[in-house]
Amino acid sequence: STINAMGWHRQAPGKQRELVATITTDGATNYADSVKGRFTIS
């Protein structure tokens, strides 16, 4: 689709899947607090 979001989630053993970072087609990003300043999505 011309309008979509792509991103990354992660799941550690014994834990629920959690959002890491997402980015939309217009460049808006969202990061988990635990990765802010360390991870960059593009």
Full PDB file with SEQRES, HELIX, SHEET, SSBOND, CRYST1, ORIGX, SCALE, CONECT and MASTER records, all heavy atoms in Angstrom:
SEQRES   1 A   42  SER THR ILE ASN ALA MET GLY TRP HIS ARG GLN ALA PRO          
SEQRES   2 A   42  GLY LYS GLN ARG GLU LEU VAL ALA THR ILE THR THR ASP          
SEQRES   3 A   42  GLY ALA THR ASN TYR ALA ASP SER VAL LYS GLY ARG PHE          
SEQRES   4 A   42  THR ILE SER                                                  
HELIX    1 AA1 ASP A   33  VAL A   35  5                                   3    
SHEET    1 AA1 3 ALA A   5  ARG A  10  0                                        
SHEET    2 AA1 3 GLU A  18  THR A  24 -1                                        
SHEET    3 AA1 3 THR A  29  TYR A  31 -1                                        
CRYST1    1.000    1.000    1.000  90.00  90.00  90.00 P 1           1          
ORIGX1      1.000000  0.000000  0.000000        0.00000                         
ORIGX2      0.000000  1.000000  0.000000        0.00000                         
ORIGX3      0.000000  0.000000  1.000000        0.00000                         
SCALE1      1.000000  0.000000  0.000000        0.00000                         
SCALE2      0.000000  1.000000  0.000000        0.00000                         
SCALE3      0.000000  0.000000  1.000000        0.00000                         
ATOM      1  N   SER A   1       0.846  -1.200   0.000  1.00  0.00           N  
ATOM      2  CA  SER A   1       0.000   0.000   0.000  1.00  0.00           C  
ATOM      3  C   SER A   1       0.873   1.239   0.000  1.00  0.00           C  
ATOM      4  O   SER A   1       1.974   1.258   0.556  1.00  0.00           O  
ATOM      5  CB  SER A   1      -0.886  -0.005   1.237  1.00  0.00           C  
ATOM      6  OG  SER A   1      -1.578   1.226   1.356  1.00  0.00           O  
ATOM      7  N   THR A   2       0.368   2.320  -0.606  1.00  0.00           N  
ATOM      8  CA  THR A   2       1.133   3.571  -0.630  1.00  0.00           C  
ATOM      9  C   THR A   2       1.214   4.209   0.756  1.00  0.00           C  
ATOM     10  O   THR A   2       2.082   5.028   1.017  1.00  0.00           O  
ATOM     11  CB  THR A   2       0.527   4.563  -1.619  1.00  0.00           C  
ATOM     12  OG1 THR A   2      -0.858   4.757  -1.310  1.00  0.00           O  
ATOM     13  CG2 THR A   2       0.646   4.050  -3.054  1.00  0.00           C  
ATOM     14  N   ILE A   3       0.282   3.846   1.618  1.00  0.00           N  
ATOM     15  CA  ILE A   3       0.289   4.339   2.995  1.00  0.00           C  
ATOM     16  C   ILE A   3       0.389   3.133   3.922  1.00  0.00           C  
ATOM     17  O   ILE A   3      -0.499   2.283   3.945  1.00  0.00           O  
ATOM     18  CB  ILE A   3      -0.977   5.144   3.307  1.00  0.00           C  
ATOM     19  CG1 ILE A   3      -1.074   6.353   2.367  1.00  0.00           C  
ATOM     20  CG2 ILE A   3      -0.981   5.582   4.763  1.00  0.00           C  
ATOM     21  CD1 ILE A   3      -2.357   7.135   2.518  1.00  0.00           C  
ATOM     22  N   ASN A   4       1.478   3.066   4.658  1.00  0.00           N  
ATOM     23  CA  ASN A   4       1.665   1.920   5.545  1.00  0.00           C  
ATOM     24  C   ASN A   4       2.650   2.269   6.637  1.00  0.00           C  
ATOM     25  O   ASN A   4       3.266   3.351   6.624  1.00  0.00           O  
ATOM     26  CB  ASN A   4       2.141   0.690   4.765  1.00  0.00           C  
ATOM     27  CG  ASN A   4       3.502   0.887   4.110  1.00  0.00           C  
ATOM     28  OD1 ASN A   4       4.521   0.972   4.808  1.00  0.00           O  
ATOM     29  ND2 ASN A   4       3.549   0.939   2.786  1.00  0.00           N  
ATOM     30  N   ALA A   5       2.772   1.379   7.548  1.00  0.00           N  
ATOM     31  CA  ALA A   5       3.794   1.491   8.589  1.00  0.00           C  
ATOM     32  C   ALA A   5       4.612   0.210   8.579  1.00  0.00           C  
ATOM     33  O   ALA A   5       4.075  -0.884   8.379  1.00  0.00           O  
ATOM     34  CB  ALA A   5       3.159   1.700   9.952  1.00  0.00           C  
ATOM     35  N   MET A   6       5.894   0.359   8.783  1.00  0.00           N  
ATOM     36  CA  MET A   6       6.771  -0.802   8.935  1.00  0.00           C  
ATOM     37  C   MET A   6       7.569  -0.624  10.210  1.00  0.00           C  
ATOM     38  O   MET A   6       7.803   0.509  10.657  1.00  0.00           O  
ATOM     39  CB  MET A   6       7.698  -0.947   7.729  1.00  0.00           C  
ATOM     40  CG  MET A   6       6.974  -1.283   6.439  1.00  0.00           C  
ATOM     41  SD  MET A   6       8.099  -1.597   5.051  1.00  0.00           S  
ATOM     42  CE  MET A   6       8.819  -3.165   5.540  1.00  0.00           C  
ATOM     43  N   GLY A   7       7.956  -1.727  10.786  1.00  0.00           N  
ATOM     44  CA  GLY A   7       8.689  -1.593  12.023  1.00  0.00           C  
ATOM     45  C   GLY A   7       9.198  -2.916  12.551  1.00  0.00           C  
ATOM     46  O   GLY A   7       9.155  -3.939  11.854  1.00  0.00           O  
ATOM     47  N   TRP A   8       9.666  -2.852  13.766  1.00  0.00           N  
ATOM     48  CA  TRP A   8      10.267  -4.003  14.429  1.00  0.00           C  
ATOM     49  C   TRP A   8       9.662  -4.196  15.801  1.00  0.00           C  
ATOM     50  O   TRP A   8       9.454  -3.228  16.544  1.00  0.00           O  
ATOM     51  CB  TRP A   8      11.778  -3.792  14.561  1.00  0.00           C  
ATOM     52  CG  TRP A   8      12.470  -3.719  13.244  1.00  0.00           C  
ATOM     53  CD1 TRP A   8      12.719  -2.592  12.511  1.00  0.00           C  
ATOM     54  CD2 TRP A   8      12.992  -4.818  12.490  1.00  0.00           C  
ATOM     55  NE1 TRP A   8      13.354  -2.925  11.337  1.00  0.00           N  
ATOM     56  CE2 TRP A   8      13.534  -4.287  11.310  1.00  0.00           C  
ATOM     57  CE3 TRP A   8      13.053  -6.192  12.698  1.00  0.00           C  
ATOM     58  CZ2 TRP A   8      14.139  -5.084  10.338  1.00  0.00           C  
ATOM     59  CZ3 TRP A   8      13.654  -6.988  11.731  1.00  0.00           C  
ATOM     60  CH2 TRP A   8      14.180  -6.432  10.576  1.00  0.00           C  
ATOM     61  N   HIS A   9       9.378  -5.438  16.101  1.00  0.00           N  
ATOM     62  CA  HIS A   9       8.988  -5.865  17.429  1.00  0.00           C  
ATOM     63  C   HIS A   9       9.979  -6.944  17.853  1.00  0.00           C  
ATOM     64  O   HIS A   9      10.707  -7.489  17.019  1.00  0.00           O  
ATOM     65  CB  HIS A   9       7.573  -6.437  17.423  1.00  0.00           C  
ATOM     66  CG  HIS A   9       6.500  -5.414  17.202  1.00  0.00           C  
ATOM     67  ND1 HIS A   9       6.387  -4.681  16.044  1.00  0.00           N  
ATOM     68  CD2 HIS A   9       5.478  -5.004  17.992  1.00  0.00           C  
ATOM     69  CE1 HIS A   9       5.356  -3.863  16.126  1.00  0.00           C  
ATOM     70  NE2 HIS A   9       4.787  -4.037  17.309  1.00  0.00           N  
ATOM     71  N   ARG A  10      10.013  -7.247  19.126  1.00  0.00           N  
ATOM     72  CA  ARG A  10      10.897  -8.309  19.599  1.00  0.00           C  
ATOM     73  C   ARG A  10      10.232  -9.127  20.684  1.00  0.00           C  
ATOM     74  O   ARG A  10       9.338  -8.639  21.377  1.00  0.00           O  
ATOM     75  CB  ARG A  10      12.221  -7.725  20.109  1.00  0.00           C  
ATOM     76  CG  ARG A  10      12.099  -6.884  21.369  1.00  0.00           C  
ATOM     77  CD  ARG A  10      13.431  -6.216  21.693  1.00  0.00           C  
ATOM     78  NE  ARG A  10      13.339  -5.408  22.909  1.00  0.00           N  
ATOM     79  CZ  ARG A  10      14.320  -4.624  23.344  1.00  0.00           C  
ATOM     80  NH1 ARG A  10      15.471  -4.527  22.652  1.00  0.00           N  
ATOM     81  NH2 ARG A  10      14.163  -3.936  24.454  1.00  0.00           N  
ATOM     82  N   GLN A  11      10.708 -10.356  20.798  1.00  0.00           N  
ATOM     83  CA  GLN A  11      10.185 -11.244  21.825  1.00  0.00           C  
ATOM     84  C   GLN A  11      11.330 -12.015  22.448  1.00  0.00           C  
ATOM     85  O   GLN A  11      12.022 -12.774  21.757  1.00  0.00           O  
ATOM     86  CB  GLN A  11       9.150 -12.202  21.246  1.00  0.00           C  
ATOM     87  CG  GLN A  11       8.436 -13.027  22.296  1.00  0.00           C  
ATOM     88  CD  GLN A  11       7.206 -13.720  21.752  1.00  0.00           C  
ATOM     89  OE1 GLN A  11       7.026 -13.867  20.547  1.00  0.00           O  
ATOM     90  NE2 GLN A  11       6.318 -14.132  22.652  1.00  0.00           N  
ATOM     91  N   ALA A  12      11.525 -11.794  23.732  1.00  0.00           N  
ATOM     92  CA  ALA A  12      12.536 -12.518  24.486  1.00  0.00           C  
ATOM     93  C   ALA A  12      11.907 -13.774  25.081  1.00  0.00           C  
ATOM     94  O   ALA A  12      10.685 -13.830  25.266  1.00  0.00           O  
ATOM     95  CB  ALA A  12      13.099 -11.623  25.580  1.00  0.00           C  
ATOM     96  N   PRO A  13      12.714 -14.768  25.403  1.00  0.00           N  
ATOM     97  CA  PRO A  13      12.171 -16.006  25.980  1.00  0.00           C  
ATOM     98  C   PRO A  13      11.346 -15.729  27.230  1.00  0.00           C  
ATOM     99  O   PRO A  13      11.786 -15.009  28.130  1.00  0.00           O  
ATOM    100  CB  PRO A  13      13.423 -16.811  26.303  1.00  0.00           C  
ATOM    101  CG  PRO A  13      14.448 -16.312  25.354  1.00  0.00           C  
ATOM    102  CD  PRO A  13      14.161 -14.846  25.188  1.00  0.00           C  
ATOM    103  N   GLY A  14      10.149 -16.271  27.265  1.00  0.00           N  
ATOM    104  CA  GLY A  14       9.286 -16.120  28.423  1.00  0.00           C  
ATOM    105  C   GLY A  14       8.596 -14.779  28.543  1.00  0.00           C  
ATOM    106  O   GLY A  14       7.923 -14.517  29.540  1.00  0.00           O  
ATOM    107  N   LYS A  15       8.763 -13.925  27.529  1.00  0.00           N  
ATOM    108  CA  LYS A  15       8.150 -12.594  27.581  1.00  0.00           C  
ATOM    109  C   LYS A  15       7.222 -12.383  26.399  1.00  0.00           C  
ATOM    110  O   LYS A  15       7.296 -13.075  25.395  1.00  0.00           O  
ATOM    111  CB  LYS A  15       9.229 -11.509  27.605  1.00  0.00           C  
ATOM    112  CG  LYS A  15      10.095 -11.530  28.856  1.00  0.00           C  
ATOM    113  CD  LYS A  15      11.010 -10.334  28.904  1.00  0.00           C  
ATOM    114  CE  LYS A  15      11.815 -10.299  30.187  1.00  0.00           C  
ATOM    115  NZ  LYS A  15      12.699  -9.099  30.251  1.00  0.00           N  
ATOM    116  N   GLN A  16       6.355 -11.395  26.527  1.00  0.00           N  
ATOM    117  CA  GLN A  16       5.464 -11.056  25.434  1.00  0.00           C  
ATOM    118  C   GLN A  16       6.209 -10.276  24.358  1.00  0.00           C  
ATOM    119  O   GLN A  16       7.217  -9.607  24.634  1.00  0.00           O  
ATOM    120  CB  GLN A  16       4.285 -10.220  25.966  1.00  0.00           C  
ATOM    121  CG  GLN A  16       3.318 -10.993  26.827  1.00  0.00           C  
ATOM    122  CD  GLN A  16       2.084 -10.176  27.159  1.00  0.00           C  
ATOM    123  OE1 GLN A  16       2.117  -8.948  27.215  1.00  0.00           O  
ATOM    124  NE2 GLN A  16       0.970 -10.856  27.375  1.00  0.00           N  
ATOM    125  N   ARG A  17       5.695 -10.353  23.151  1.00  0.00           N  
ATOM    126  CA  ARG A  17       6.257  -9.572  22.063  1.00  0.00           C  
ATOM    127  C   ARG A  17       6.011  -8.089  22.337  1.00  0.00           C  
ATOM    128  O   ARG A  17       4.911  -7.713  22.767  1.00  0.00           O  
ATOM    129  CB  ARG A  17       5.628  -9.984  20.731  1.00  0.00           C  
ATOM    130  CG  ARG A  17       6.355  -9.453  19.513  1.00  0.00           C  
ATOM    131  CD  ARG A  17       5.794 -10.049  18.222  1.00  0.00           C  
ATOM    132  NE  ARG A  17       5.993 -11.496  18.166  1.00  0.00           N  
ATOM    133  CZ  ARG A  17       5.719 -12.219  17.087  1.00  0.00           C  
ATOM    134  NH1 ARG A  17       5.267 -11.644  15.978  1.00  0.00           N  
ATOM    135  NH2 ARG A  17       5.890 -13.532  17.108  1.00  0.00           N  
ATOM    136  N   GLU A  18       7.024  -7.274  22.084  1.00  0.00           N  
ATOM    137  CA  GLU A  18       6.902  -5.854  22.370  1.00  0.00           C  
ATOM    138  C   GLU A  18       7.394  -5.023  21.190  1.00  0.00           C  
ATOM    139  O   GLU A  18       8.256  -5.441  20.426  1.00  0.00           O  
ATOM    140  CB  GLU A  18       7.711  -5.467  23.617  1.00  0.00           C  
ATOM    141  CG  GLU A  18       9.205  -5.702  23.491  1.00  0.00           C  
ATOM    142  CD  GLU A  18       9.986  -5.256  24.712  1.00  0.00           C  
ATOM    143  OE1 GLU A  18       9.372  -4.798  25.694  1.00  0.00           O  
ATOM    144  OE2 GLU A  18      11.231  -5.345  24.685  1.00  0.00           O  
ATOM    145  N   LEU A  19       6.831  -3.834  21.090  1.00  0.00           N  
ATOM    146  CA  LEU A  19       7.236  -2.918  20.041  1.00  0.00           C  
ATOM    147  C   LEU A  19       8.645  -2.406  20.313  1.00  0.00           C  
ATOM    148  O   LEU A  19       8.993  -2.085  21.453  1.00  0.00           O  
ATOM    149  CB  LEU A  19       6.255  -1.745  19.977  1.00  0.00           C  
ATOM    150  CG  LEU A  19       6.538  -0.660  18.931  1.00  0.00           C  
ATOM    151  CD1 LEU A  19       5.228  -0.125  18.370  1.00  0.00           C  
ATOM    152  CD2 LEU A  19       7.352   0.472  19.528  1.00  0.00           C  
ATOM    153  N   VAL A  20       9.441  -2.319  19.262  1.00  0.00           N  
ATOM    154  CA  VAL A  20      10.764  -1.720  19.345  1.00  0.00           C  
ATOM    155  C   VAL A  20      10.744  -0.341  18.676  1.00  0.00           C  
ATOM    156  O   VAL A  20      11.075   0.663  19.295  1.00  0.00           O  
ATOM    157  CB  VAL A  20      11.828  -2.607  18.682  1.00  0.00           C  
ATOM    158  CG1 VAL A  20      13.195  -1.917  18.720  1.00  0.00           C  
ATOM    159  CG2 VAL A  20      11.896  -3.960  19.361  1.00  0.00           C  
ATOM    160  N   ALA A  21      10.357  -0.321  17.415  1.00  0.00           N  
ATOM    161  CA  ALA A  21      10.320   0.940  16.672  1.00  0.00           C  
ATOM    162  C   ALA A  21       9.468   0.776  15.426  1.00  0.00           C  
ATOM    163  O   ALA A  21       9.426  -0.314  14.840  1.00  0.00           O  
ATOM    164  CB  ALA A  21      11.724   1.396  16.283  1.00  0.00           C  
ATOM    165  N   THR A  22       8.799   1.846  15.044  1.00  0.00           N  
ATOM    166  CA  THR A  22       8.022   1.840  13.808  1.00  0.00           C  
ATOM    167  C   THR A  22       8.268   3.125  13.044  1.00  0.00           C  
ATOM    168  O   THR A  22       8.681   4.138  13.622  1.00  0.00           O  
ATOM    169  CB  THR A  22       6.512   1.709  14.061  1.00  0.00           C  
ATOM    170  OG1 THR A  22       6.081   2.831  14.855  1.00  0.00           O  
ATOM    171  CG2 THR A  22       6.170   0.421  14.788  1.00  0.00           C  
ATOM    172  N   ILE A  23       7.992   3.067  11.750  1.00  0.00           N  
ATOM    173  CA  ILE A  23       8.116   4.246  10.895  1.00  0.00           C  
ATOM    174  C   ILE A  23       7.044   4.167   9.821  1.00  0.00           C  
ATOM    175  O   ILE A  23       6.794   3.106   9.247  1.00  0.00           O  
ATOM    176  CB  ILE A  23       9.532   4.345  10.285  1.00  0.00           C  
ATOM    177  CG1 ILE A  23       9.691   5.643   9.493  1.00  0.00           C  
ATOM    178  CG2 ILE A  23       9.874   3.124   9.445  1.00  0.00           C  
ATOM    179  CD1 ILE A  23      11.150   5.940   9.123  1.00  0.00           C  
ATOM    180  N   THR A  24       6.383   5.296   9.573  1.00  0.00           N  
ATOM    181  CA  THR A  24       5.326   5.336   8.574  1.00  0.00           C  
ATOM    182  C   THR A  24       5.876   5.799   7.225  1.00  0.00           C  
ATOM    183  O   THR A  24       7.049   6.200   7.125  1.00  0.00           O  
ATOM    184  CB  THR A  24       4.204   6.292   9.007  1.00  0.00           C  
ATOM    185  OG1 THR A  24       4.745   7.627   9.073  1.00  0.00           O  
ATOM    186  CG2 THR A  24       3.654   5.904  10.372  1.00  0.00           C  
ATOM    187  N   THR A  25       5.033   5.762   6.212  1.00  0.00           N  
ATOM    188  CA  THR A  25       5.458   6.181   4.889  1.00  0.00           C  
ATOM    189  C   THR A  25       5.759   7.679   4.834  1.00  0.00           C  
ATOM    190  O   THR A  25       6.508   8.123   3.965  1.00  0.00           O  
ATOM    191  CB  THR A  25       4.408   5.838   3.833  1.00  0.00           C  
ATOM    192  OG1 THR A  25       3.099   6.111   4.336  1.00  0.00           O  
ATOM    193  CG2 THR A  25       4.478   4.372   3.439  1.00  0.00           C  
ATOM    194  N   ASP A  26       5.216   8.451   5.771  1.00  0.00           N  
ATOM    195  CA  ASP A  26       5.557   9.879   5.782  1.00  0.00           C  
ATOM    196  C   ASP A  26       6.689  10.194   6.754  1.00  0.00           C  
ATOM    197  O   ASP A  26       6.975  11.360   7.021  1.00  0.00           O  
ATOM    198  CB  ASP A  26       4.332  10.737   6.091  1.00  0.00           C  
ATOM    199  CG  ASP A  26       3.743  10.457   7.458  1.00  0.00           C  
ATOM    200  OD1 ASP A  26       4.337   9.653   8.211  1.00  0.00           O  
ATOM    201  OD2 ASP A  26       2.697  11.047   7.786  1.00  0.00           O  
ATOM    202  N   GLY A  27       7.329   9.149   7.281  1.00  0.00           N  
ATOM    203  CA  GLY A  27       8.530   9.335   8.077  1.00  0.00           C  
ATOM    204  C   GLY A  27       8.341   9.477   9.571  1.00  0.00           C  
ATOM    205  O   GLY A  27       9.319   9.658  10.307  1.00  0.00           O  
ATOM    206  N   ALA A  28       7.119   9.380  10.058  1.00  0.00           N  
ATOM    207  CA  ALA A  28       6.887   9.477  11.499  1.00  0.00           C  
ATOM    208  C   ALA A  28       7.420   8.226  12.192  1.00  0.00           C  
ATOM    209  O   ALA A  28       7.161   7.108  11.751  1.00  0.00           O  
ATOM    210  CB  ALA A  28       5.408   9.652  11.780  1.00  0.00           C  
ATOM    211  N   THR A  29       8.156   8.433  13.269  1.00  0.00           N  
ATOM    212  CA  THR A  29       8.761   7.311  13.986  1.00  0.00           C  
ATOM    213  C   THR A  29       8.230   7.211  15.417  1.00  0.00           C  
ATOM    214  O   THR A  29       7.768   8.194  15.998  1.00  0.00           O  
ATOM    215  CB  THR A  29      10.289   7.443  14.041  1.00  0.00           C  
ATOM    216  OG1 THR A  29      10.625   8.683  14.688  1.00  0.00           O  
ATOM    217  CG2 THR A  29      10.890   7.416  12.654  1.00  0.00           C  
ATOM    218  N   ASN A  30       8.340   6.005  15.950  1.00  0.00           N  
ATOM    219  CA  ASN A  30       7.951   5.744  17.327  1.00  0.00           C  
ATOM    220  C   ASN A  30       8.914   4.713  17.883  1.00  0.00           C  
ATOM    221  O   ASN A  30       9.202   3.705  17.214  1.00  0.00           O  
ATOM    222  CB  ASN A  30       6.511   5.216  17.384  1.00  0.00           C  
ATOM    223  CG  ASN A  30       6.031   5.000  18.798  1.00  0.00           C  
ATOM    224  OD1 ASN A  30       6.312   5.798  19.678  1.00  0.00           O  
ATOM    225  ND2 ASN A  30       5.295   3.919  19.016  1.00  0.00           N  
ATOM    226  N   TYR A  31       9.426   4.955  19.078  1.00  0.00           N  
ATOM    227  CA  TYR A  31      10.396   4.056  19.688  1.00  0.00           C  
ATOM    228  C   TYR A  31       9.935   3.642  21.082  1.00  0.00           C  
ATOM    229  O   TYR A  31       9.328   4.429  21.822  1.00  0.00           O  
ATOM    230  CB  TYR A  31      11.750   4.743  19.844  1.00  0.00           C  
ATOM    231  CG  TYR A  31      12.472   5.046  18.561  1.00  0.00           C  
ATOM    232  CD1 TYR A  31      12.325   6.268  17.934  1.00  0.00           C  
ATOM    233  CD2 TYR A  31      13.334   4.112  17.988  1.00  0.00           C  
ATOM    234  CE1 TYR A  31      12.991   6.563  16.753  1.00  0.00           C  
ATOM    235  CE2 TYR A  31      14.018   4.391  16.814  1.00  0.00           C  
ATOM    236  CZ  TYR A  31      13.845   5.619  16.208  1.00  0.00           C  
ATOM    237  OH  TYR A  31      14.514   5.901  15.042  1.00  0.00           O  
ATOM    238  N   ALA A  32      10.284   2.429  21.464  1.00  0.00           N  
ATOM    239  CA  ALA A  32      10.131   2.019  22.847  1.00  0.00           C  
ATOM    240  C   ALA A  32      11.111   2.833  23.690  1.00  0.00           C  
ATOM    241  O   ALA A  32      12.220   3.143  23.251  1.00  0.00           O  
ATOM    242  CB  ALA A  32      10.420   0.532  22.994  1.00  0.00           C  
ATOM    243  N   ASP A  33      10.700   3.160  24.902  1.00  0.00           N  
ATOM    244  CA  ASP A  33      11.579   3.948  25.784  1.00  0.00           C  
ATOM    245  C   ASP A  33      12.920   3.257  26.001  1.00  0.00           C  
ATOM    246  O   ASP A  33      13.957   3.910  26.127  1.00  0.00           O  
ATOM    247  CB  ASP A  33      10.893   4.191  27.126  1.00  0.00           C  
ATOM    248  CG  ASP A  33       9.760   5.192  27.032  1.00  0.00           C  
ATOM    249  OD1 ASP A  33       9.700   5.945  26.044  1.00  0.00           O  
ATOM    250  OD2 ASP A  33       8.924   5.220  27.961  1.00  0.00           O  
ATOM    251  N   SER A  34      12.899   1.935  26.031  1.00  0.00           N  
ATOM    252  CA  SER A  34      14.111   1.177  26.345  1.00  0.00           C  
ATOM    253  C   SER A  34      15.173   1.264  25.256  1.00  0.00           C  
ATOM    254  O   SER A  34      16.338   0.922  25.507  1.00  0.00           O  
ATOM    255  CB  SER A  34      13.752  -0.289  26.595  1.00  0.00           C  
ATOM    256  OG  SER A  34      13.138  -0.850  25.453  1.00  0.00           O  
ATOM    257  N   VAL A  35      14.797   1.698  24.056  1.00  0.00           N  
ATOM    258  CA  VAL A  35      15.768   1.751  22.963  1.00  0.00           C  
ATOM    259  C   VAL A  35      16.035   3.170  22.471  1.00  0.00           C  
ATOM    260  O   VAL A  35      16.907   3.370  21.613  1.00  0.00           O  
ATOM    261  CB  VAL A  35      15.328   0.867  21.773  1.00  0.00           C  
ATOM    262  CG1 VAL A  35      15.023  -0.550  22.247  1.00  0.00           C  
ATOM    263  CG2 VAL A  35      14.149   1.451  21.031  1.00  0.00           C  
ATOM    264  N   LYS A  36      15.322   4.138  23.001  1.00  0.00           N  
ATOM    265  CA  LYS A  36      15.525   5.522  22.552  1.00  0.00           C  
ATOM    266  C   LYS A  36      16.973   5.959  22.788  1.00  0.00           C  
ATOM    267  O   LYS A  36      17.544   5.708  23.845  1.00  0.00           O  
ATOM    268  CB  LYS A  36      14.571   6.460  23.296  1.00  0.00           C  
ATOM    269  CG  LYS A  36      13.141   6.400  22.809  1.00  0.00           C  
ATOM    270  CD  LYS A  36      12.249   7.348  23.590  1.00  0.00           C  
ATOM    271  CE  LYS A  36      10.807   7.266  23.093  1.00  0.00           C  
ATOM    272  NZ  LYS A  36       9.898   8.137  23.898  1.00  0.00           N  
ATOM    273  N   GLY A  37      17.533   6.594  21.775  1.00  0.00           N  
ATOM    274  CA  GLY A  37      18.911   7.041  21.869  1.00  0.00           C  
ATOM    275  C   GLY A  37      19.926   5.993  21.484  1.00  0.00           C  
ATOM    276  O   GLY A  37      21.119   6.308  21.311  1.00  0.00           O  
ATOM    277  N   ARG A  38      19.505   4.749  21.341  1.00  0.00           N  
ATOM    278  CA  ARG A  38      20.424   3.673  20.967  1.00  0.00           C  
ATOM    279  C   ARG A  38      20.078   3.075  19.601  1.00  0.00           C  
ATOM    280  O   ARG A  38      20.961   2.679  18.849  1.00  0.00           O  
ATOM    281  CB  ARG A  38      20.398   2.559  22.015  1.00  0.00           C  
ATOM    282  CG  ARG A  38      20.797   3.011  23.399  1.00  0.00           C  
ATOM    283  CD  ARG A  38      20.949   1.821  24.344  1.00  0.00           C  
ATOM    284  NE  ARG A  38      19.701   1.093  24.530  1.00  0.00           N  
ATOM    285  CZ  ARG A  38      19.549  -0.202  24.284  1.00  0.00           C  
ATOM    286  NH1 ARG A  38      20.560  -0.925  23.814  1.00  0.00           N  
ATOM    287  NH2 ARG A  38      18.379  -0.791  24.504  1.00  0.00           N  
ATOM    288  N   PHE A  39      18.796   2.975  19.309  1.00  0.00           N  
ATOM    289  CA  PHE A  39      18.330   2.385  18.054  1.00  0.00           C  
ATOM    290  C   PHE A  39      17.794   3.473  17.139  1.00  0.00           C  
ATOM    291  O   PHE A  39      17.198   4.450  17.594  1.00  0.00           O  
ATOM    292  CB  PHE A  39      17.215   1.377  18.308  1.00  0.00           C  
ATOM    293  CG  PHE A  39      17.618   0.123  19.039  1.00  0.00           C  
ATOM    294  CD1 PHE A  39      18.867  -0.021  19.620  1.00  0.00           C  
ATOM    295  CD2 PHE A  39      16.720  -0.935  19.138  1.00  0.00           C  
ATOM    296  CE1 PHE A  39      19.224  -1.169  20.291  1.00  0.00           C  
ATOM    297  CE2 PHE A  39      17.064  -2.102  19.806  1.00  0.00           C  
ATOM    298  CZ  PHE A  39      18.316  -2.208  20.385  1.00  0.00           C  
ATOM    299  N   THR A  40      17.988   3.271  15.840  1.00  0.00           N  
ATOM    300  CA  THR A  40      17.457   4.190  14.843  1.00  0.00           C  
ATOM    301  C   THR A  40      16.779   3.398  13.736  1.00  0.00           C  
ATOM    302  O   THR A  40      17.393   2.494  13.152  1.00  0.00           O  
ATOM    303  CB  THR A  40      18.562   5.058  14.241  1.00  0.00           C  
ATOM    304  OG1 THR A  40      19.229   5.781  15.280  1.00  0.00           O  
ATOM    305  CG2 THR A  40      17.980   6.055  13.237  1.00  0.00           C  
ATOM    306  N   ILE A  41      15.532   3.747  13.468  1.00  0.00           N  
ATOM    307  CA  ILE A  41      14.806   3.094  12.386  1.00  0.00           C  
ATOM    308  C   ILE A  41      14.791   4.001  11.170  1.00  0.00           C  
ATOM    309  O   ILE A  41      14.703   5.233  11.298  1.00  0.00           O  
ATOM    310  CB  ILE A  41      13.368   2.720  12.825  1.00  0.00           C  
ATOM    311  CG1 ILE A  41      12.718   1.790  11.795  1.00  0.00           C  
ATOM    312  CG2 ILE A  41      12.519   3.949  13.092  1.00  0.00           C  
ATOM    313  CD1 ILE A  41      11.422   1.149  12.290  1.00  0.00           C  
ATOM    314  N   SER A  42      14.902   3.397   9.999  1.00  0.00           N  
ATOM    315  CA  SER A  42      14.870   4.166   8.763  1.00  0.00           C  
ATOM    316  C   SER A  42      14.196   3.318   7.688  1.00  0.00           C  
ATOM    317  O   SER A  42      14.092   2.099   7.831  1.00  0.00           O  
ATOM    318  CB  SER A  42      16.277   4.558   8.319  1.00  0.00           C  
ATOM    319  OG  SER A  42      17.066   3.411   8.102  1.00  0.00           O  
TER     320      SER A  42                                                      
MASTER        0    0    0    1    3    0    0    6  319    1    0    4          
END                                                                             
